[in-house]
C-alpha atoms as a PDB file:
ATOM      1  CA  MET A   1       0.000   0.000   0.000  1.00  0.00           C
ATOM      2  CA  THR A   2       1.324   3.433  -0.960  1.00  0.00           C
ATOM      3  CA  ALA A   3       0.777   6.371   1.356  1.00  0.00           C
ATOM      4  CA  MET A   4       0.644   9.937   0.120  1.00  0.00           C
ATOM      5  CA  ILE A   5       1.800  12.779   2.341  1.00  0.00           C
ATOM      6  CA  LEU A   6       0.319  16.248   1.738  1.00  0.00           C
ATOM      7  CA  VAL A   7       1.746  19.209   3.637  1.00  0.00           C
ATOM      8  CA  ASN A   8       0.746  22.890   3.614  1.00  0.00           C
ATOM      9  CA  LEU A   9       3.687  25.154   4.410  1.00  0.00           C
ATOM     10  CA  PRO A  10       3.602  28.937   4.907  1.00  0.00           C
ATOM     11  CA  ALA A  11       6.334  30.838   3.063  1.00  0.00           C
ATOM     12  CA  THR A  12       7.430  34.455   3.073  1.00  0.00           C
ATOM     13  CA  ASN A  13       9.298  34.146  -0.247  1.00  0.00           C
ATOM     14  CA  LEU A  14       7.909  31.662  -2.750  1.00  0.00           C
ATOM     15  CA  ASP A  15      10.971  31.705  -5.023  1.00  0.00           C
ATOM     16  CA  ILE A  16      13.410  30.903  -2.214  1.00  0.00           C
ATOM     17  CA  SER A  17      11.103  28.232  -0.753  1.00  0.00           C
ATOM     18  CA  THR A  18      10.641  26.576  -4.132  1.00  0.00           C
ATOM     19  CA  ALA A  19      14.414  26.571  -4.747  1.00  0.00           C
ATOM     20  CA  PHE A  20      14.967  24.984  -1.328  1.00  0.00           C
ATOM     21  CA  TYR A  21      12.569  22.113  -2.020  1.00  0.00           C
ATOM     22  CA  GLN A  22      13.955  21.637  -5.527  1.00  0.00           C
ATOM     23  CA  ALA A  23      17.393  21.153  -3.913  1.00  0.00           C
ATOM     24  CA  LEU A  24      15.754  18.353  -1.867  1.00  0.00           C
ATOM     25  CA  ASP A  25      14.682  16.657  -5.142  1.00  0.00           C
ATOM     26  CA  PHE A  26      11.124  18.029  -5.230  1.00  0.00           C
ATOM     27  CA  HIS A  27       9.714  19.266  -8.543  1.00  0.00           C
ATOM     28  CA  ASN A  28       7.579  22.345  -9.141  1.00  0.00           C
ATOM     29  CA  ASN A  29       4.097  21.739 -10.576  1.00  0.00           C
ATOM     30  CA  PRO A  30       3.489  24.759 -12.860  1.00  0.00           C
ATOM     31  CA  GLN A  31      -0.221  23.940 -13.316  1.00  0.00           C
ATOM     32  CA  LEU A  32      -0.807  24.528  -9.590  1.00  0.00           C
ATOM     33  CA  THR A  33       1.611  27.446  -9.102  1.00  0.00           C
ATOM     34  CA  ASP A  34       0.980  31.195  -9.316  1.00  0.00           C
ATOM     35  CA  ILE A  35       2.340  34.303  -7.556  1.00  0.00           C
ATOM     36  CA  THR A  36       0.638  33.454  -4.242  1.00  0.00           C
ATOM     37  CA  ALA A  37       1.096  29.671  -3.988  1.00  0.00           C
ATOM     38  CA  GLY A  38       3.185  26.828  -5.306  1.00  0.00           C
ATOM     39  CA  MET A  39       2.897  23.065  -5.461  1.00  0.00           C
ATOM     40  CA  VAL A  40       5.997  20.898  -5.168  1.00  0.00           C
ATOM     41  CA  ARG A  41       6.081  17.121  -5.412  1.00  0.00           C
ATOM     42  CA  SER A  42       8.614  14.339  -5.204  1.00  0.00           C
ATOM     43  CA  ASP A  43       8.721  11.062  -7.066  1.00  0.00           C
ATOM     44  CA  ASN A  44       7.941   9.070  -3.902  1.00  0.00           C
ATOM     45  CA  HIS A  45       4.407  10.414  -3.315  1.00  0.00           C
ATOM     46  CA  ARG A  46       5.252  13.423  -1.153  1.00  0.00           C
ATOM     47  CA  ARG A  47       3.651  16.757  -1.973  1.00  0.00           C
ATOM     48  CA  GLY A  48       3.787  20.176  -0.421  1.00  0.00           C
ATOM     49  CA  ASN A  49       1.753  23.318  -0.924  1.00  0.00           C
ATOM     50  CA  LEU A  50       3.752  26.503  -0.418  1.00  0.00           C
ATOM     51  CA  ARG A  51       1.596  29.517   0.364  1.00  0.00           C
ATOM     52  CA  ILE A  52       2.703  33.118   0.743  1.00  0.00           C
ATOM     53  CA  LYS A  53       2.130  34.323   4.295  1.00  0.00           C
ATOM     54  CA  PHE A  54       0.589  37.822   4.196  1.00  0.00           C
END
């Protein structure tokens, strides 16, 4: 059985946060990314939502 982990993470700078997770082998999902939020995923069923903290 495969488990999927979904995590919502607040971010103050989306570009820096996305670069950090890409260095950890996560990939940006451009279909679910705009200027206020980003979606990163890994190949082993982990996903994270990065949201700008206002």
